[in-house]
Amino acid sequence: MLSDLFDEQAQREQYDIAVRKESEARGEARGEARGEARGEARGKAELLKKLIELGNSVKQLSDMLGMSEIEIEGLLAMYN
């Protein structure tokens, strides 16, 4: 009977460890995805800034890239 309690406690601890590891892995994956998205957005903003410096308008970039003018202006505002 006492050994059953110890077995149950050990199983609970193993379960808790497994859940914690899974949660950590999910959190890490989410963080990586966010970092990649931010890096991609920053790269787009840098490219847009260079294209504007070369004389392109936001409207021209919108037409060329298939992005809305609001998206372009938002990216430029966020990373400038």
Protein backbone atom coordinates (compact mmCIF):
# COMPACT_ATOMS: atom_id res chain seq x y z
CA MET A 1 0.00 0.00 0.00
CA LEU A 2 2.77 2.44 0.87
CA SER A 3 4.69 1.36 -2.21
CA ASP A 4 1.59 2.10 -4.31
CA LEU A 5 1.61 5.68 -3.00
CA PHE A 6 5.28 6.05 -3.87
CA ASP A 7 4.67 4.61 -7.34
CA GLU A 8 1.78 7.01 -7.87
CA GLN A 9 3.89 9.95 -6.71
CA ALA A 10 6.75 8.91 -9.01
CA GLN A 11 4.37 8.62 -11.96
CA ARG A 12 2.94 12.07 -11.18
CA GLU A 13 6.44 13.54 -11.06
CA GLN A 14 7.34 11.92 -14.39
CA TYR A 15 4.15 13.29 -15.91
CA ASP A 16 4.90 16.79 -14.57
CA ILE A 17 8.42 16.63 -16.03
CA ALA A 18 7.08 15.55 -19.43
CA VAL A 19 4.47 18.32 -19.45
CA ARG A 20 7.09 20.91 -18.46
CA LYS A 21 9.45 19.77 -21.23
CA GLU A 22 6.67 19.90 -23.80
CA SER A 23 5.66 23.39 -22.65
CA GLU A 24 9.26 24.59 -22.88
CA ALA A 25 9.60 23.18 -26.38
CA ARG A 26 6.40 24.91 -27.51
CA GLY A 27 7.53 28.19 -26.01
CA GLU A 28 10.90 27.91 -27.70
CA ALA A 29 9.28 27.19 -31.07
CA ARG A 30 6.97 30.19 -30.66
CA GLY A 31 9.92 32.42 -29.81
CA GLU A 32 11.85 31.23 -32.84
CA ALA A 33 8.86 31.86 -35.10
CA ARG A 34 8.44 35.37 -33.72
CA GLY A 35 12.12 36.10 -34.21
CA GLU A 36 12.02 34.87 -37.79
CA ALA A 37 8.93 36.97 -38.54
CA ARG A 38 10.54 40.07 -37.04
CA GLY A 39 13.72 39.49 -39.02
CA GLU A 40 11.75 39.06 -42.22
CA ALA A 41 9.77 42.24 -41.57
CA ARG A 42 12.96 44.16 -40.79
CA GLY A 43 14.52 42.94 -44.05
CA LYS A 44 11.47 44.03 -46.03
CA ALA A 45 11.53 47.44 -44.36
CA GLU A 46 15.21 47.91 -45.21
CA LEU A 47 14.57 46.98 -48.83
CA LEU A 48 11.56 49.31 -49.04
CA LYS A 49 13.59 52.15 -47.57
CA LYS A 50 16.31 51.66 -50.20
CA LEU A 51 13.77 51.52 -53.01
CA ILE A 52 12.21 54.76 -51.81
CA GLU A 53 15.64 56.37 -51.57
CA LEU A 54 16.15 55.37 -55.22
CA GLY A 55 13.08 57.41 -56.15
CA ASN A 56 10.21 54.93 -56.02
CA SER A 57 6.98 56.07 -54.41
CA VAL A 58 4.96 54.06 -51.91
CA LYS A 59 2.28 53.73 -54.60
CA GLN A 60 4.81 52.32 -57.10
CA LEU A 61 6.10 49.86 -54.53
CA SER A 62 2.56 48.83 -53.72
CA ASP A 63 1.87 48.11 -57.37
CA MET A 64 5.16 46.28 -57.89
CA LEU A 65 5.12 44.17 -54.74
CA GLY A 66 1.42 43.51 -54.28
CA MET A 67 1.48 45.04 -50.80
CA SER A 68 -0.96 47.69 -49.68
CA GLU A 69 0.33 51.20 -49.18
CA ILE A 70 -0.68 50.89 -45.52
CA GLU A 71 1.45 47.74 -45.12
CA ILE A 72 4.44 49.49 -46.67
CA GLU A 73 4.01 52.61 -44.57
CA GLY A 74 3.57 50.47 -41.46
CA LEU A 75 6.77 48.54 -42.07
CA LEU A 76 8.69 51.72 -42.75
CA ALA A 77 7.33 53.34 -39.58
CA MET A 78 8.07 50.29 -37.47
CA TYR A 79 11.70 49.91 -38.47
CA ASN A 80 12.83 53.50 -39.12
